[in-house]
Amino acid sequence: MWRKFLITVAVVAVLQHILTLVYKMGFHKRIYQHYPGPCRIIPDIDSGSEDIALLSNGLALISSGLNPVHMGFVLDDEILNHQGNIFLFDFNHPEKNAIKLKFTGKDFDYTRFSAHGIDVYEDKKTGAVSVFVVNHRRDHEVIEVFQFDHKSLTLHHKKSVIDPIMRSVNDVTAVSSDAFYFTNDGYATTFLARNLENFLMLAKGNVIYYDGKKMRKVVTKGSGNNGIAVSPDNKFLYVAHPVGMIINVYERNQDATLKHVQVIDMGTGPDNIFVEPGTGNLWIGCHSVNHEIMGHFQNKTMTAPSQVIHVKWEDPTRATHGYTLSEVFLDTGDFLSGSSIAAYHQSTKGLLIGTVVTKLAYCQVNAF
């Protein structure tokens, strides 16, 4: 009797897990396409625009050339050969195209650059701009730190931050010219182990704080910790979970530790998070149908939907006071495939939408 009972419980548990995976993969979803205004594809970018960081003068830095093999995906051969780059786009002149930035610094090996998450920090006193980029080097996970020179369109390499705690780094957000938080989206580094970790939805990810000298865990576990961003006043931290379809909100303590205060239920797969400087509202590039983005990685010609969600806070000074979700952009993938980030420039009402491994789009936001 007990044997039959235990077998029944095990079967039910397995079926529940499989049904949960099927639901989170989005097999049940349908796409109803709409844009917030006229949109165009920015030419000369076809190896991804995975993350975008915005400067106060309207210049946007775009990471390109991601090879996400570290996450356990089966990849198109073209993606495996992506070369990392950083592009520059000027929201003040949206009719112009993006420019590829140059790299300087004897300790930086451009040939081993696979760019993922990106963020910037502007020193208000000196005007210096520090740029932080996640780099999936074949020998190690790295966060590269650059100094941006606008006049020469150059990124000068300052240092490579490396630590054994960096297992599978996804995104980074800066809180000073030296300190930052970053996410590990998982733990396993071999293909089979990582796929098993993903299938079982094990909470092997975390959030790490680096103070400029040493690292420490501030969120000890999480399933697929992805995009990370800080509020304009540095009081709150946001972490996206694509498979979980949520964004966790943390309050920052004075010692840089985090207190979990809220969960934003997205109903879709959030990737990277852009925080609007003036309002603190969130703009999020999402994967509305997760199984299609995985198919897109295997074959770039197989499209995946692109989606942008806007989170408007009822009170921008209190991130836990309530919010409203709005869908700004939704495309079947024929125009833009596999959106990962959406950066909004308030004064020009321009929206840049990046993708994991393909193109970059610009939209004029007239209504949503």
Protein backbone atom coordinates (compact mmCIF):
# COMPACT_ATOMS: atom_id res chain seq x y z
CA MET A 1 0.00 0.00 0.00
CA TRP A 2 2.73 2.44 0.97
CA ARG A 3 4.67 1.53 -2.13
CA LYS A 4 1.72 2.38 -4.41
CA PHE A 5 1.17 5.61 -2.51
CA LEU A 6 4.81 6.69 -2.88
CA ILE A 7 4.83 5.79 -6.58
CA THR A 8 1.64 7.82 -7.09
CA VAL A 9 3.12 10.83 -5.27
CA ALA A 10 6.32 10.60 -7.32
CA VAL A 11 4.39 10.39 -10.62
CA VAL A 12 2.21 13.37 -9.66
CA ALA A 13 5.29 15.39 -8.68
CA VAL A 14 7.02 14.62 -11.99
CA LEU A 15 3.91 15.47 -14.00
CA GLN A 16 3.47 18.72 -12.09
CA HIS A 17 7.09 19.67 -12.77
CA ILE A 18 6.73 18.91 -16.50
CA LEU A 19 3.46 20.87 -16.74
CA THR A 20 5.11 23.80 -14.95
CA LEU A 21 7.96 23.75 -17.47
CA VAL A 22 5.50 23.60 -20.38
CA TYR A 23 3.63 26.59 -18.98
CA LYS A 24 6.79 28.62 -18.41
CA MET A 25 8.00 27.84 -21.93
CA GLY A 26 4.88 29.62 -23.24
CA PHE A 27 3.44 26.94 -25.53
CA HIS A 28 -0.04 28.30 -24.82
CA LYS A 29 0.64 31.91 -25.86
CA ARG A 30 -0.47 33.83 -28.95
CA ILE A 31 1.12 37.02 -30.31
CA TYR A 32 -0.92 40.13 -31.19
CA GLN A 33 1.55 42.47 -32.85
CA HIS A 34 1.62 46.21 -32.08
CA TYR A 35 4.19 49.05 -31.98
CA PRO A 36 4.22 52.35 -30.02
CA GLY A 37 4.96 54.35 -33.20
CA PRO A 38 7.15 54.11 -36.31
CA CYS A 39 10.10 51.71 -35.92
CA ARG A 40 13.19 50.95 -37.99
CA ILE A 41 16.05 48.47 -37.87
CA ILE A 42 19.47 50.05 -37.19
CA PRO A 43 21.79 48.69 -39.93
CA ASP A 44 25.18 47.00 -39.52
CA ILE A 45 24.29 45.22 -36.27
CA ASP A 46 23.40 41.56 -36.83
CA SER A 47 25.23 39.73 -34.03
CA GLY A 48 23.09 40.97 -31.17
CA SER A 49 22.49 44.09 -29.09
CA GLU A 50 21.97 42.22 -25.84
CA ASP A 51 22.16 45.10 -23.38
CA ILE A 52 22.09 48.92 -23.49
CA ALA A 53 23.36 51.55 -21.05
CA LEU A 54 22.35 55.21 -21.37
CA LEU A 55 24.44 58.27 -20.55
CA SER A 56 22.92 61.55 -19.33
CA ASN A 57 23.77 63.26 -22.65
CA GLY A 58 21.61 60.85 -24.65
CA LEU A 59 24.39 58.54 -25.84
CA ALA A 60 23.66 54.84 -25.57
CA LEU A 61 26.32 52.12 -25.33
CA ILE A 62 25.24 48.76 -26.74
CA SER A 63 26.85 45.38 -26.09
CA SER A 64 27.01 43.07 -29.09
CA GLY A 65 28.46 39.69 -30.00
CA LEU A 66 27.20 37.49 -27.17
CA ASN A 67 27.94 33.77 -27.30
CA PRO A 68 25.63 32.32 -24.58
CA VAL A 69 27.14 28.82 -24.63
CA HIS A 70 27.86 29.17 -20.89
CA MET A 71 24.10 28.98 -20.23
CA GLY A 72 23.79 25.46 -21.64
CA PHE A 73 22.08 26.36 -24.93
CA VAL A 74 22.55 24.50 -28.21
CA LEU A 75 23.77 27.28 -30.50
CA ASP A 76 23.78 28.14 -34.17
CA ASP A 77 27.36 27.98 -35.58
CA GLU A 78 27.11 31.65 -36.49
CA ILE A 79 26.44 32.56 -32.85
CA LEU A 80 29.42 30.47 -31.73
CA ASN A 81 31.62 32.69 -33.91
CA HIS A 82 30.24 36.04 -32.73
CA GLN A 83 32.86 38.71 -32.05
CA GLY A 84 32.15 41.01 -29.12
CA ASN A 85 31.78 44.74 -29.77
CA ILE A 86 30.39 47.89 -28.17
CA PHE A 87 28.31 50.23 -30.34
CA LEU A 88 27.30 53.84 -29.74
CA PHE A 89 23.89 55.32 -30.62
CA ASP A 90 22.89 58.97 -30.19
CA PHE A 91 19.25 59.50 -29.16
CA ASN A 92 19.64 63.18 -30.07
CA HIS A 93 20.13 62.17 -33.70
CA PRO A 94 18.02 59.03 -34.12
CA GLU A 95 18.17 59.29 -37.89
CA LYS A 96 21.86 58.36 -37.72
CA ASN A 97 23.13 54.82 -37.33
CA ALA A 98 25.19 53.19 -34.58
CA ILE A 99 28.99 53.54 -34.48
CA LYS A 100 31.39 50.79 -33.44
CA LEU A 101 33.68 51.96 -30.63
CA LYS A 102 37.43 51.35 -30.61
CA PHE A 103 39.34 49.64 -27.78
CA THR A 104 42.68 50.62 -26.30
CA GLY A 105 44.78 49.07 -23.53
CA LYS A 106 47.57 46.53 -23.72
CA ASP A 107 45.95 44.13 -21.23
CA PHE A 108 42.70 43.74 -23.18
CA ASP A 109 42.45 40.94 -25.74
CA TYR A 110 39.75 41.93 -28.26
CA THR A 111 39.75 38.47 -29.86
CA ARG A 112 38.52 36.94 -26.57
CA PHE A 113 35.68 39.40 -26.10
CA SER A 114 32.11 38.02 -25.83
CA ALA A 115 30.01 40.93 -24.56
CA HIS A 116 26.92 40.36 -22.43
CA GLY A 117 25.55 42.72 -19.76
CA ILE A 118 26.71 46.36 -19.72
CA ASP A 119 26.37 49.38 -17.43
CA VAL A 120 27.90 52.83 -17.01
CA TYR A 121 28.74 55.12 -14.11
CA GLU A 122 29.16 58.86 -14.60
CA ASP A 123 31.26 60.75 -12.06
CA LYS A 124 29.35 64.00 -11.46
CA LYS A 125 32.46 65.85 -10.28
CA THR A 126 34.93 64.87 -12.99
CA GLY A 127 32.59 63.84 -15.81
CA ALA A 128 34.53 60.59 -16.20
CA VAL A 129 32.48 57.69 -17.57
CA SER A 130 33.27 54.16 -16.37
CA VAL A 131 31.89 51.29 -18.44
CA PHE A 132 31.39 47.78 -17.06
CA VAL A 133 30.92 44.86 -19.45
CA VAL A 134 30.39 41.15 -18.77
CA ASN A 135 32.83 39.16 -20.89
CA HIS A 136 32.54 35.39 -21.38
CA ARG A 137 36.15 34.58 -22.09
CA ARG A 138 36.77 30.92 -22.86
CA ASP A 139 39.11 30.62 -19.88
CA HIS A 140 37.05 32.59 -17.33
CA GLU A 141 34.04 34.78 -16.61
CA VAL A 142 35.19 38.39 -16.46
CA ILE A 143 33.82 41.88 -15.91
CA GLU A 144 35.84 44.32 -17.98
CA VAL A 145 36.14 47.93 -16.80
CA PHE A 146 36.73 50.68 -19.38
CA GLN A 147 37.00 54.47 -19.45
CA PHE A 148 34.89 56.01 -22.23
CA ASP A 149 36.33 58.87 -24.29
CA HIS A 150 33.54 60.54 -26.27
CA LYS A 151 35.86 62.67 -28.43
CA SER A 152 37.91 59.77 -29.76
CA LEU A 153 35.03 57.24 -29.58
CA THR A 154 37.32 54.97 -27.60
CA LEU A 155 36.96 52.58 -24.68
CA HIS A 156 40.23 52.49 -22.76
CA HIS A 157 40.62 49.26 -20.80
CA LYS A 158 41.32 49.84 -17.09
CA LYS A 159 41.13 46.36 -15.59
CA SER A 160 39.62 42.87 -15.75
CA VAL A 161 37.76 41.78 -12.62
CA ILE A 162 38.06 38.00 -12.09
CA ASP A 163 37.08 35.84 -9.11
CA PRO A 164 36.20 32.14 -8.58
CA ILE A 165 32.73 33.23 -7.40
CA MET A 166 32.00 34.33 -10.99
CA ARG A 167 30.42 31.12 -12.32
CA SER A 168 28.00 32.19 -15.06
CA VAL A 169 27.80 35.97 -15.03
CA ASN A 170 24.84 37.52 -16.81
CA ASP A 171 24.49 41.22 -16.03
CA VAL A 172 26.11 44.02 -14.05
CA THR A 173 24.91 47.28 -12.49
CA ALA A 174 27.27 49.95 -11.16
CA VAL A 175 26.77 51.95 -7.95
CA SER A 176 30.08 53.85 -8.12
CA SER A 177 33.17 54.08 -10.32
CA ASP A 178 34.57 51.02 -8.51
CA ALA A 179 31.64 49.12 -6.98
CA PHE A 180 28.97 47.06 -8.69
CA TYR A 181 26.50 44.21 -8.32
CA PHE A 182 26.27 41.32 -10.79
CA THR A 183 24.17 38.21 -11.31
CA ASN A 184 25.22 34.60 -11.76
CA ASP A 185 22.39 32.96 -13.72
CA GLY A 186 23.51 29.46 -12.70
CA TYR A 187 26.33 27.39 -11.24
CA ALA A 188 27.21 24.45 -13.51
CA THR A 189 29.77 25.08 -16.23
CA THR A 190 29.51 21.85 -18.25
CA PHE A 191 26.82 21.40 -20.90
CA LEU A 192 25.08 18.37 -19.41
CA ALA A 193 25.20 19.60 -15.81
CA ARG A 194 23.88 23.03 -16.81
CA ASN A 195 20.99 21.54 -18.77
CA LEU A 196 20.09 19.32 -15.81
CA GLU A 197 20.22 22.40 -13.56
CA ASN A 198 17.91 24.26 -15.95
CA PHE A 199 15.48 21.35 -16.36
CA LEU A 200 15.13 20.86 -12.62
CA MET A 201 14.86 24.65 -12.13
CA LEU A 202 17.45 24.51 -9.35
CA ALA A 203 18.06 27.78 -7.50
CA LYS A 204 21.80 27.83 -8.19
CA GLY A 205 22.09 31.46 -9.24
CA ASN A 206 22.97 34.38 -6.97
CA VAL A 207 23.73 38.09 -6.74
CA ILE A 208 27.26 39.28 -5.89
CA TYR A 209 28.47 42.66 -4.65
CA TYR A 210 31.97 43.89 -5.50
CA ASP A 211 33.24 46.87 -3.50
CA GLY A 212 36.28 47.49 -5.68
CA LYS A 213 38.49 45.06 -3.74
CA LYS A 214 36.55 41.96 -2.76
CA MET A 215 33.31 40.12 -3.52
CA ARG A 216 30.52 38.72 -1.38
CA LYS A 217 27.15 37.10 -1.95
CA VAL A 218 24.18 39.33 -1.15
CA VAL A 219 21.51 37.01 -2.60
CA THR A 220 22.54 33.44 -1.94
CA LYS A 221 20.24 31.62 -4.35
CA GLY A 222 17.86 32.12 -7.25
CA SER A 223 16.73 30.37 -10.40
CA GLY A 224 18.09 31.99 -13.56
CA ASN A 225 19.05 35.37 -12.08
CA ASN A 226 19.32 37.53 -15.20
CA GLY A 227 19.12 41.28 -15.75
CA ILE A 228 20.00 43.54 -12.81
CA ALA A 229 19.57 47.28 -12.35
CA VAL A 230 19.62 49.88 -9.58
CA SER A 231 17.14 52.71 -8.98
CA PRO A 232 18.25 56.30 -9.73
CA ASP A 233 18.66 57.05 -6.00
CA ASN A 234 20.64 53.80 -5.46
CA LYS A 235 18.08 52.68 -2.83
CA PHE A 236 16.56 49.71 -4.68
CA LEU A 237 17.88 46.84 -6.79
CA TYR A 238 15.90 44.91 -9.40
CA VAL A 239 16.68 41.36 -10.55
CA ALA A 240 14.87 39.66 -13.46
CA HIS A 241 14.02 35.94 -13.61
CA PRO A 242 12.93 34.97 -17.16
CA VAL A 243 11.73 31.42 -16.48
CA GLY A 244 10.14 32.42 -13.17
CA MET A 245 8.46 35.34 -15.01
CA ILE A 246 9.10 37.73 -12.13
CA ILE A 247 11.28 40.65 -11.07
CA ASN A 248 12.51 40.65 -7.49
CA VAL A 249 12.85 44.03 -5.80
CA TYR A 250 15.45 44.51 -3.06
CA GLU A 251 16.11 47.44 -0.75
CA ARG A 252 19.80 48.29 -0.37
CA ASN A 253 21.19 48.53 3.15
CA GLN A 254 24.04 50.86 4.09
CA ASP A 255 26.49 47.95 4.06
CA ALA A 256 25.38 47.03 0.48
CA THR A 257 23.48 43.95 1.65
CA LEU A 258 19.95 43.51 0.29
CA LYS A 259 16.50 43.15 1.83
CA HIS A 260 13.85 41.51 -0.33
CA VAL A 261 10.78 43.75 -0.37
CA GLN A 262 8.63 42.94 -3.40
CA VAL A 263 7.91 40.63 -6.34
CA ILE A 264 6.67 42.00 -9.68
CA ASP A 265 4.63 39.30 -11.41
CA MET A 266 5.38 39.84 -15.11
CA GLY A 267 3.44 37.01 -16.75
CA THR A 268 6.26 36.89 -19.33
CA GLY A 269 10.02 36.26 -19.38
CA PRO A 270 11.90 39.45 -18.38
CA ASP A 271 15.48 39.68 -19.58
CA ASN A 272 17.33 42.99 -19.04
CA ILE A 273 15.98 45.95 -17.08
CA PHE A 274 16.37 49.62 -18.01
CA VAL A 275 15.60 52.15 -15.27
CA GLU A 276 14.33 55.51 -16.55
CA PRO A 277 16.56 58.18 -14.93
CA GLY A 278 13.90 60.78 -14.17
CA THR A 279 11.02 58.63 -12.98
CA GLY A 280 12.61 55.37 -11.85
CA ASN A 281 10.10 53.49 -14.01
CA LEU A 282 11.27 50.24 -15.60
CA TRP A 283 11.48 49.31 -19.29
CA ILE A 284 12.07 45.61 -19.82
CA GLY A 285 12.97 43.56 -22.87
CA CYS A 286 11.08 40.26 -22.58
CA HIS A 287 10.81 36.80 -24.11
CA SER A 288 7.08 36.19 -24.30
CA VAL A 289 7.49 32.64 -25.66
CA ASN A 290 10.53 31.02 -24.03
CA HIS A 291 10.63 27.85 -26.12
CA GLU A 292 10.87 29.93 -29.31
CA ILE A 293 13.87 31.92 -28.08
CA MET A 294 15.63 28.61 -27.41
CA GLY A 295 14.84 27.49 -30.96
CA HIS A 296 16.15 30.85 -32.19
CA PHE A 297 19.49 30.17 -30.50
CA GLN A 298 19.77 26.82 -32.28
CA ASN A 299 18.93 28.37 -35.65
CA LYS A 300 19.03 32.15 -36.09
CA THR A 301 16.65 31.94 -39.06
CA MET A 302 13.95 30.62 -36.70
CA THR A 303 12.44 33.79 -35.24
CA ALA A 304 11.27 34.42 -31.68
CA PRO A 305 8.82 37.10 -30.49
CA SER A 306 10.02 40.43 -29.13
CA GLN A 307 8.22 42.24 -26.32
CA VAL A 308 8.72 45.39 -24.23
CA ILE A 309 6.96 45.85 -20.88
CA HIS A 310 6.79 49.15 -18.99
CA VAL A 311 6.51 49.19 -15.18
CA LYS A 312 5.16 52.50 -13.88
CA TRP A 313 5.51 53.11 -10.16
CA GLU A 314 2.61 54.77 -8.38
CA ASP A 315 5.13 56.58 -6.19
CA PRO A 316 8.65 56.73 -7.68
CA THR A 317 10.19 57.39 -4.26
CA ARG A 318 8.78 54.12 -2.90
CA ALA A 319 9.42 51.08 -5.10
CA THR A 320 7.04 48.96 -3.03
CA HIS A 321 4.07 51.32 -3.25
CA GLY A 322 2.33 49.75 -6.26
CA TYR A 323 2.80 49.67 -10.01
CA THR A 324 1.08 49.38 -13.38
CA LEU A 325 2.25 47.08 -16.20
CA SER A 326 1.83 48.14 -19.84
CA GLU A 327 2.88 46.34 -23.00
CA VAL A 328 4.68 48.90 -25.18
CA PHE A 329 5.83 46.71 -28.07
CA LEU A 330 5.07 43.21 -29.32
CA ASP A 331 6.33 41.61 -32.51
CA THR A 332 6.07 38.08 -33.88
CA GLY A 333 9.81 38.04 -34.58
CA ASP A 334 9.60 38.79 -38.29
CA PHE A 335 10.64 42.42 -37.70
CA LEU A 336 12.72 41.96 -34.53
CA SER A 337 13.62 38.60 -33.05
CA GLY A 338 14.46 37.77 -29.42
CA SER A 339 14.28 41.11 -27.58
CA SER A 340 16.47 41.40 -24.47
CA ILE A 341 16.51 45.12 -23.50
CA ALA A 342 14.55 48.32 -24.09
CA ALA A 343 16.18 51.69 -23.33
CA TYR A 344 13.94 54.78 -23.30
CA HIS A 345 15.11 58.39 -23.76
CA GLN A 346 12.52 60.62 -22.15
CA SER A 347 13.21 63.97 -23.82
CA THR A 348 13.12 62.59 -27.38
CA LYS A 349 10.60 59.81 -26.64
CA GLY A 350 12.90 57.37 -28.40
CA LEU A 351 13.11 53.65 -27.64
CA LEU A 352 16.02 51.35 -28.49
CA ILE A 353 15.15 47.66 -28.45
CA GLY A 354 18.04 45.22 -28.39
CA THR A 355 18.14 41.49 -29.08
CA VAL A 356 20.23 38.62 -27.76
CA VAL A 357 21.88 37.51 -31.02
CA THR A 358 20.44 39.47 -33.97
CA LYS A 359 19.44 43.08 -34.69
CA LEU A 360 18.73 46.43 -33.02
CA ALA A 361 15.57 48.50 -33.51
CA TYR A 362 14.66 52.12 -32.85
CA CYS A 363 11.05 53.21 -32.25
CA GLN A 364 9.45 56.59 -31.76
CA VAL A 365 7.08 56.29 -28.81
CA ASN A 366 3.87 58.11 -29.74
CA ALA A 367 1.51 56.05 -27.59
CA PHE A 368 1.25 52.82 -25.65
